[in-house]
Amino acid sequence: MGGIANTLAANHLFTTNLECKKLPERTAQMFHHLVAKLLYLCKHTRQDIQMAMAFLLMQVKNPDTDDYKKLTDVMQYLRG
């Protein structure tokens, strides 16, 4: 999750790729954990990530590798 992103709203944020591989159970749990932390951050200090969080919250039950990439994009945006 290195790097910095200047913008959060990438073109691919709301697109889903049905052919993406699902995350392994351990990585899916980490995905869920990080999304929960970002939701807390979003509600209390960073309202600018609400749109991305709305999408990621819908993907928490069955995330794939593309969703994980979107999560890393949000993290890189917050680093910037």
PDB file of N, CA and C in Angstrom:
ATOM      1  N   MET A   1       0.823  -1.191   0.000  1.00  0.00           N
ATOM      2  CA  MET A   1       0.000   0.000   0.000  1.00  0.00           C
ATOM      3  C   MET A   1       0.867   1.254   0.000  1.00  0.00           C
ATOM      4  N   GLY A   2       1.904   1.257  -0.779  1.00  0.00           N
ATOM      5  CA  GLY A   2       2.769   2.415  -0.841  1.00  0.00           C
ATOM      6  C   GLY A   2       2.267   3.422  -1.847  1.00  0.00           C
ATOM      7  N   GLY A   3       2.867   4.596  -1.805  1.00  0.00           N
ATOM      8  CA  GLY A   3       2.513   5.624  -2.772  1.00  0.00           C
ATOM      9  C   GLY A   3       1.485   6.597  -2.261  1.00  0.00           C
ATOM     10  N   ILE A   4       1.280   7.613  -3.074  1.00  0.00           N
ATOM     11  CA  ILE A   4       0.329   8.668  -2.729  1.00  0.00           C
ATOM     12  C   ILE A   4      -0.558   8.901  -3.941  1.00  0.00           C
ATOM     13  N   ALA A   5      -1.852   9.100  -3.723  1.00  0.00           N
ATOM     14  CA  ALA A   5      -2.788   9.413  -4.802  1.00  0.00           C
ATOM     15  C   ALA A   5      -3.275  10.841  -4.617  1.00  0.00           C
ATOM     16  N   ASN A   6      -3.345  11.581  -5.714  1.00  0.00           N
ATOM     17  CA  ASN A   6      -3.797  12.968  -5.651  1.00  0.00           C
ATOM     18  C   ASN A   6      -5.312  13.080  -5.648  1.00  0.00           C
ATOM     19  N   THR A   7      -5.984  12.102  -6.192  1.00  0.00           N
ATOM     20  CA  THR A   7      -7.441  12.142  -6.253  1.00  0.00           C
ATOM     21  C   THR A   7      -8.018  10.800  -5.836  1.00  0.00           C
ATOM     22  N   LEU A   8      -9.191  10.831  -5.279  1.00  0.00           N
ATOM     23  CA  LEU A   8      -9.848   9.611  -4.825  1.00  0.00           C
ATOM     24  C   LEU A   8     -10.753   9.042  -5.905  1.00  0.00           C
ATOM     25  N   ALA A   9     -11.358   9.894  -6.682  1.00  0.00           N
ATOM     26  CA  ALA A   9     -12.368   9.466  -7.648  1.00  0.00           C
ATOM     27  C   ALA A   9     -11.729   8.990  -8.947  1.00  0.00           C
ATOM     28  N   ALA A  10     -11.258   7.773  -8.956  1.00  0.00           N
ATOM     29  CA  ALA A  10     -10.712   7.191 -10.176  1.00  0.00           C
ATOM     30  C   ALA A  10     -11.867   6.727 -11.066  1.00  0.00           C
ATOM     31  N   ASN A  11     -11.602   6.561 -12.325  1.00  0.00           N
ATOM     32  CA  ASN A  11     -12.646   6.156 -13.273  1.00  0.00           C
ATOM     33  C   ASN A  11     -13.223   4.781 -12.961  1.00  0.00           C
ATOM     34  N   HIS A  12     -12.441   3.927 -12.365  1.00  0.00           N
ATOM     35  CA  HIS A  12     -12.871   2.543 -12.128  1.00  0.00           C
ATOM     36  C   HIS A  12     -13.505   2.311 -10.759  1.00  0.00           C
ATOM     37  N   LEU A  13     -13.744   3.358  -9.999  1.00  0.00           N
ATOM     38  CA  LEU A  13     -14.221   3.188  -8.624  1.00  0.00           C
ATOM     39  C   LEU A  13     -15.531   2.405  -8.538  1.00  0.00           C
ATOM     40  N   PHE A  14     -16.495   2.723  -9.386  1.00  0.00           N
ATOM     41  CA  PHE A  14     -17.809   2.090  -9.281  1.00  0.00           C
ATOM     42  C   PHE A  14     -18.039   0.977 -10.302  1.00  0.00           C
ATOM     43  N   THR A  15     -16.995   0.542 -10.977  1.00  0.00           N
ATOM     44  CA  THR A  15     -17.147  -0.576 -11.902  1.00  0.00           C
ATOM     45  C   THR A  15     -16.716  -1.865 -11.217  1.00  0.00           C
ATOM     46  N   THR A  16     -17.407  -2.921 -11.525  1.00  0.00           N
ATOM     47  CA  THR A  16     -17.055  -4.223 -10.961  1.00  0.00           C
ATOM     48  C   THR A  16     -16.676  -5.176 -12.085  1.00  0.00           C
ATOM     49  N   ASN A  17     -15.662  -5.950 -11.846  1.00  0.00           N
ATOM     50  CA  ASN A  17     -15.192  -6.941 -12.801  1.00  0.00           C
ATOM     51  C   ASN A  17     -15.617  -8.307 -12.294  1.00  0.00           C
ATOM     52  N   LEU A  18     -16.569  -8.912 -12.964  1.00  0.00           N
ATOM     53  CA  LEU A  18     -17.111 -10.190 -12.502  1.00  0.00           C
ATOM     54  C   LEU A  18     -16.120 -11.341 -12.662  1.00  0.00           C
ATOM     55  N   GLU A  19     -15.062 -11.137 -13.415  1.00  0.00           N
ATOM     56  CA  GLU A  19     -14.088 -12.196 -13.644  1.00  0.00           C
ATOM     57  C   GLU A  19     -12.899 -12.132 -12.678  1.00  0.00           C
ATOM     58  N   CYS A  20     -12.902 -11.184 -11.757  1.00  0.00           N
ATOM     59  CA  CYS A  20     -11.814 -11.062 -10.778  1.00  0.00           C
ATOM     60  C   CYS A  20     -11.838 -12.226  -9.802  1.00  0.00           C
ATOM     61  N   LYS A  21     -10.654 -12.597  -9.338  1.00  0.00           N
ATOM     62  CA  LYS A  21     -10.549 -13.667  -8.352  1.00  0.00           C
ATOM     63  C   LYS A  21     -10.962 -13.144  -6.980  1.00  0.00           C
ATOM     64  N   LYS A  22     -11.669 -13.967  -6.231  1.00  0.00           N
ATOM     65  CA  LYS A  22     -12.060 -13.622  -4.867  1.00  0.00           C
ATOM     66  C   LYS A  22     -10.828 -13.660  -3.970  1.00  0.00           C
ATOM     67  N   LEU A  23     -10.838 -12.846  -2.934  1.00  0.00           N
ATOM     68  CA  LEU A  23      -9.715 -12.804  -2.004  1.00  0.00           C
ATOM     69  C   LEU A  23      -9.704 -14.046  -1.128  1.00  0.00           C
ATOM     70  N   PRO A  24      -8.515 -14.522  -0.761  1.00  0.00           N
ATOM     71  CA  PRO A  24      -8.440 -15.621   0.218  1.00  0.00           C
ATOM     72  C   PRO A  24      -9.062 -15.173   1.549  1.00  0.00           C
ATOM     73  N   GLU A  25      -9.491 -16.119   2.342  1.00  0.00           N
ATOM     74  CA  GLU A  25     -10.217 -15.816   3.590  1.00  0.00           C
ATOM     75  C   GLU A  25      -9.459 -14.852   4.502  1.00  0.00           C
ATOM     76  N   ARG A  26      -8.186 -15.074   4.680  1.00  0.00           N
ATOM     77  CA  ARG A  26      -7.388 -14.218   5.577  1.00  0.00           C
ATOM     78  C   ARG A  26      -7.305 -12.785   5.038  1.00  0.00           C
ATOM     79  N   THR A  27      -7.101 -12.639   3.755  1.00  0.00           N
ATOM     80  CA  THR A  27      -7.034 -11.309   3.152  1.00  0.00           C
ATOM     81  C   THR A  27      -8.412 -10.652   3.164  1.00  0.00           C
ATOM     82  N   ALA A  28      -9.464 -11.429   2.979  1.00  0.00           N
ATOM     83  CA  ALA A  28     -10.823 -10.889   3.024  1.00  0.00           C
ATOM     84  C   ALA A  28     -11.131 -10.354   4.428  1.00  0.00           C
ATOM     85  N   GLN A  29     -10.654 -11.036   5.453  1.00  0.00           N
ATOM     86  CA  GLN A  29     -10.852 -10.555   6.826  1.00  0.00           C
ATOM     87  C   GLN A  29     -10.104  -9.249   7.054  1.00  0.00           C
ATOM     88  N   MET A  30      -8.882  -9.148   6.505  1.00  0.00           N
ATOM     89  CA  MET A  30      -8.123  -7.912   6.629  1.00  0.00           C
ATOM     90  C   MET A  30      -8.832  -6.781   5.871  1.00  0.00           C
ATOM     91  N   PHE A  31      -9.375  -7.089   4.705  1.00  0.00           N
ATOM     92  CA  PHE A  31     -10.151  -6.125   3.928  1.00  0.00           C
ATOM     93  C   PHE A  31     -11.305  -5.583   4.766  1.00  0.00           C
ATOM     94  N   HIS A  32     -12.057  -6.499   5.382  1.00  0.00           N
ATOM     95  CA  HIS A  32     -13.191  -6.106   6.229  1.00  0.00           C
ATOM     96  C   HIS A  32     -12.728  -5.229   7.386  1.00  0.00           C
ATOM     97  N   HIS A  33     -11.650  -5.602   8.024  1.00  0.00           N
ATOM     98  CA  HIS A  33     -11.104  -4.861   9.156  1.00  0.00           C
ATOM     99  C   HIS A  33     -10.704  -3.436   8.740  1.00  0.00           C
ATOM    100  N   LEU A  34     -10.016  -3.309   7.616  1.00  0.00           N
ATOM    101  CA  LEU A  34      -9.581  -1.990   7.149  1.00  0.00           C
ATOM    102  C   LEU A  34     -10.756  -1.123   6.718  1.00  0.00           C
ATOM    103  N   VAL A  35     -11.748  -1.722   6.083  1.00  0.00           N
ATOM    104  CA  VAL A  35     -12.935  -0.955   5.689  1.00  0.00           C
ATOM    105  C   VAL A  35     -13.667  -0.439   6.928  1.00  0.00           C
ATOM    106  N   ALA A  36     -13.742  -1.255   7.974  1.00  0.00           N
ATOM    107  CA  ALA A  36     -14.388  -0.818   9.214  1.00  0.00           C
ATOM    108  C   ALA A  36     -13.633   0.363   9.830  1.00  0.00           C
ATOM    109  N   LYS A  37     -12.315   0.304   9.820  1.00  0.00           N
ATOM    110  CA  LYS A  37     -11.519   1.416  10.353  1.00  0.00           C
ATOM    111  C   LYS A  37     -11.720   2.684   9.526  1.00  0.00           C
ATOM    112  N   LEU A  38     -11.742   2.522   8.212  1.00  0.00           N
ATOM    113  CA  LEU A  38     -11.944   3.685   7.351  1.00  0.00           C
ATOM    114  C   LEU A  38     -13.349   4.255   7.496  1.00  0.00           C
ATOM    115  N   LEU A  39     -14.329   3.411   7.774  1.00  0.00           N
ATOM    116  CA  LEU A  39     -15.686   3.895   8.000  1.00  0.00           C
ATOM    117  C   LEU A  39     -15.721   4.792   9.238  1.00  0.00           C
ATOM    118  N   TYR A  40     -15.055   4.377  10.292  1.00  0.00           N
ATOM    119  CA  TYR A  40     -14.974   5.205  11.495  1.00  0.00           C
ATOM    120  C   TYR A  40     -14.321   6.549  11.171  1.00  0.00           C
ATOM    121  N   LEU A  41     -13.215   6.497  10.436  1.00  0.00           N
ATOM    122  CA  LEU A  41     -12.509   7.718  10.046  1.00  0.00           C
ATOM    123  C   LEU A  41     -13.400   8.610   9.185  1.00  0.00           C
ATOM    124  N   CYS A  42     -14.123   8.001   8.286  1.00  0.00           N
ATOM    125  CA  CYS A  42     -15.014   8.733   7.387  1.00  0.00           C
ATOM    126  C   CYS A  42     -16.124   9.446   8.167  1.00  0.00           C
ATOM    127  N   LYS A  43     -16.687   8.767   9.111  1.00  0.00           N
ATOM    128  CA  LYS A  43     -17.805   9.345   9.876  1.00  0.00           C
ATOM    129  C   LYS A  43     -17.353  10.458  10.813  1.00  0.00           C
ATOM    130  N   HIS A  44     -16.114  10.403  11.293  1.00  0.00           N
ATOM    131  CA  HIS A  44     -15.681  11.357  12.301  1.00  0.00           C
ATOM    132  C   HIS A  44     -14.788  12.484  11.801  1.00  0.00           C
ATOM    133  N   THR A  45     -14.010  12.249  10.746  1.00  0.00           N
ATOM    134  CA  THR A  45     -13.102  13.312  10.328  1.00  0.00           C
ATOM    135  C   THR A  45     -12.996  13.505   8.825  1.00  0.00           C
ATOM    136  N   ARG A  46     -13.095  12.454   8.030  1.00  0.00           N
ATOM    137  CA  ARG A  46     -12.810  12.551   6.596  1.00  0.00           C
ATOM    138  C   ARG A  46     -14.048  12.251   5.758  1.00  0.00           C
ATOM    139  N   GLN A  47     -14.954  13.206   5.693  1.00  0.00           N
ATOM    140  CA  GLN A  47     -16.173  13.020   4.912  1.00  0.00           C
ATOM    141  C   GLN A  47     -15.892  12.972   3.411  1.00  0.00           C
ATOM    142  N   ASP A  48     -14.706  13.362   2.989  1.00  0.00           N
ATOM    143  CA  ASP A  48     -14.374  13.363   1.570  1.00  0.00           C
ATOM    144  C   ASP A  48     -14.238  11.957   0.978  1.00  0.00           C
ATOM    145  N   ILE A  49     -14.174  10.940   1.817  1.00  0.00           N
ATOM    146  CA  ILE A  49     -14.053   9.580   1.297  1.00  0.00           C
ATOM    147  C   ILE A  49     -15.376   8.812   1.378  1.00  0.00           C
ATOM    148  N   GLN A  50     -16.481   9.495   1.630  1.00  0.00           N
ATOM    149  CA  GLN A  50     -17.765   8.822   1.801  1.00  0.00           C
ATOM    150  C   GLN A  50     -18.204   8.021   0.578  1.00  0.00           C
ATOM    151  N   MET A  51     -18.012   8.556  -0.616  1.00  0.00           N
ATOM    152  CA  MET A  51     -18.446   7.845  -1.823  1.00  0.00           C
ATOM    153  C   MET A  51     -17.681   6.530  -1.987  1.00  0.00           C
ATOM    154  N   ALA A  52     -16.386   6.581  -1.822  1.00  0.00           N
ATOM    155  CA  ALA A  52     -15.584   5.367  -1.952  1.00  0.00           C
ATOM    156  C   ALA A  52     -15.959   4.366  -0.869  1.00  0.00           C
ATOM    157  N   MET A  53     -16.202   4.852   0.331  1.00  0.00           N
ATOM    158  CA  MET A  53     -16.558   3.959   1.429  1.00  0.00           C
ATOM    159  C   MET A  53     -17.918   3.312   1.183  1.00  0.00           C
ATOM    160  N   ALA A  54     -18.851   4.033   0.590  1.00  0.00           N
ATOM    161  CA  ALA A  54     -20.164   3.456   0.291  1.00  0.00           C
ATOM    162  C   ALA A  54     -20.007   2.247  -0.626  1.00  0.00           C
ATOM    163  N   PHE A  55     -19.149   2.369  -1.631  1.00  0.00           N
ATOM    164  CA  PHE A  55     -18.930   1.253  -2.535  1.00  0.00           C
ATOM    165  C   PHE A  55     -18.212   0.101  -1.824  1.00  0.00           C
ATOM    166  N   LEU A  56     -17.156   0.401  -1.086  1.00  0.00           N
ATOM    167  CA  LEU A  56     -16.386  -0.653  -0.420  1.00  0.00           C
ATOM    168  C   LEU A  56     -17.225  -1.386   0.627  1.00  0.00           C
ATOM    169  N   LEU A  57     -18.134  -0.689   1.278  1.00  0.00           N
ATOM    170  CA  LEU A  57     -19.000  -1.337   2.266  1.00  0.00           C
ATOM    171  C   LEU A  57     -19.904  -2.381   1.607  1.00  0.00           C
ATOM    172  N   MET A  58     -20.313  -2.127   0.374  1.00  0.00           N
ATOM    173  CA  MET A  58     -21.144  -3.105  -0.331  1.00  0.00           C
ATOM    174  C   MET A  58     -20.336  -4.335  -0.728  1.00  0.00           C
ATOM    175  N   GLN A  59     -19.022  -4.212  -0.831  1.00  0.00           N
ATOM    176  CA  GLN A  59     -18.174  -5.304  -1.270  1.00  0.00           C
ATOM    177  C   GLN A  59     -17.576  -6.114  -0.126  1.00  0.00           C
ATOM    178  N   VAL A  60     -17.812  -5.703   1.103  1.00  0.00           N
ATOM    179  CA  VAL A  60     -17.157  -6.308   2.267  1.00  0.00           C
ATOM    180  C   VAL A  60     -17.499  -7.787   2.448  1.00  0.00           C
ATOM    181  N   LYS A  61     -18.666  -8.194   2.036  1.00  0.00           N
ATOM    182  CA  LYS A  61     -19.081  -9.579   2.253  1.00  0.00           C
ATOM    183  C   LYS A  61     -18.342 -10.568   1.345  1.00  0.00           C
ATOM    184  N   ASN A  62     -18.019 -10.138   0.139  1.00  0.00           N
ATOM    185  CA  ASN A  62     -17.377 -11.043  -0.811  1.00  0.00           C
ATOM    186  C   ASN A  62     -16.390 -10.262  -1.693  1.00  0.00           C
ATOM    187  N   PRO A  63     -15.294  -9.754  -1.107  1.00  0.00           N
ATOM    188  CA  PRO A  63     -14.373  -8.895  -1.871  1.00  0.00           C
ATOM    189  C   PRO A  63     -13.516  -9.689  -2.851  1.00  0.00           C
ATOM    190  N   ASP A  64     -13.117  -8.998  -3.917  1.00  0.00           N
ATOM    191  CA  ASP A  64     -12.202  -9.610  -4.879  1.00  0.00           C
ATOM    192  C   ASP A  64     -10.935  -8.760  -4.983  1.00  0.00           C
ATOM    193  N   THR A  65     -10.035  -9.163  -5.852  1.00  0.00           N
ATOM    194  CA  THR A  65      -8.746  -8.468  -5.959  1.00  0.00           C
ATOM    195  C   THR A  65      -8.920  -7.037  -6.453  1.00  0.00           C
ATOM    196  N   ASP A  66      -9.914  -6.790  -7.281  1.00  0.00           N
ATOM    197  CA  ASP A  66     -10.180  -5.437  -7.761  1.00  0.00           C
ATOM    198  C   ASP A  66     -10.646  -4.533  -6.616  1.00  0.00           C
ATOM    199  N   ASP A  67     -11.479  -5.061  -5.734  1.00  0.00           N
ATOM    200  CA  ASP A  67     -11.942  -4.294  -4.570  1.00  0.00           C
ATOM    201  C   ASP A  67     -10.772  -3.973  -3.648  1.00  0.00           C
ATOM    202  N   TYR A  68      -9.861  -4.918  -3.512  1.00  0.00           N
ATOM    203  CA  TYR A  68      -8.679  -4.683  -2.672  1.00  0.00           C
ATOM    204  C   TYR A  68      -7.833  -3.553  -3.251  1.00  0.00           C
ATOM    205  N   LYS A  69      -7.716  -3.509  -4.566  1.00  0.00           N
ATOM    206  CA  LYS A  69      -6.979  -2.426  -5.228  1.00  0.00           C
ATOM    207  C   LYS A  69      -7.664  -1.084  -4.958  1.00  0.00           C
ATOM    208  N   LYS A  70      -8.977  -1.074  -4.976  1.00  0.00           N
ATOM    209  CA  LYS A  70      -9.721   0.165  -4.691  1.00  0.00           C
ATOM    210  C   LYS A  70      -9.501   0.602  -3.247  1.00  0.00           C
ATOM    211  N   LEU A  71      -9.414  -0.353  -2.337  1.00  0.00           N
ATOM    212  CA  LEU A  71      -9.121  -0.035  -0.940  1.00  0.00           C
ATOM    213  C   LEU A  71      -7.733   0.583  -0.822  1.00  0.00           C
ATOM    214  N   THR A  72      -6.764   0.031  -1.536  1.00  0.00           N
ATOM    215  CA  THR A  72      -5.418   0.605  -1.482  1.00  0.00           C
ATOM    216  C   THR A  72      -5.393   2.001  -2.093  1.00  0.00           C
ATOM    217  N   ASP A  73      -6.242   2.258  -3.088  1.00  0.00           N
ATOM    218  CA  ASP A  73      -6.343   3.603  -3.660  1.00  0.00           C
ATOM    219  C   ASP A  73      -6.824   4.607  -2.611  1.00  0.00           C
ATOM    220  N   VAL A  74      -7.801   4.210  -1.809  1.00  0.00           N
ATOM    221  CA  VAL A  74      -8.307   5.083  -0.746  1.00  0.00           C
ATOM    222  C   VAL A  74      -7.197   5.356   0.278  1.00  0.00           C
ATOM    223  N   MET A  75      -6.452   4.302   0.631  1.00  0.00           N
ATOM    224  CA  MET A  75      -5.367   4.466   1.596  1.00  0.00           C
ATOM    225  C   MET A  75      -4.288   5.408   1.056  1.00  0.00           C
ATOM    226  N   GLN A  76      -3.971   5.275  -0.233  1.00  0.00           N
ATOM    227  CA  GLN A  76      -2.969   6.152  -0.843  1.00  0.00           C
ATOM    228  C   GLN A  76      -3.465   7.593  -0.890  1.00  0.00           C
ATOM    229  N   TYR A  77      -4.747   7.765  -1.143  1.00  0.00           N
ATOM    230  CA  TYR A  77      -5.329   9.116  -1.135  1.00  0.00           C
ATOM    231  C   TYR A  77      -5.195   9.739   0.253  1.00  0.00           C
ATOM    232  N   LEU A  78      -5.465   8.966   1.279  1.00  0.00           N
ATOM    233  CA  LEU A  78      -5.370   9.489   2.648  1.00  0.00           C
ATOM    234  C   LEU A  78      -3.932   9.807   3.025  1.00  0.00           C
ATOM    235  N   ARG A  79      -3.000   9.076   2.475  1.00  0.00           N
ATOM    236  CA  ARG A  79      -1.587   9.374   2.730  1.00  0.00           C
ATOM    237  C   ARG A  79      -1.185  10.733   2.159  1.00  0.00           C
ATOM    238  N   GLY A  80      -1.835  11.091   1.032  1.00  0.00           N
ATOM    239  CA  GLY A  80      -1.495  12.354   0.353  1.00  0.00           C
ATOM    240  C   GLY A  80      -2.054  13.521   1.084  1.00  0.00           C
TER     241      GLY A  80
END
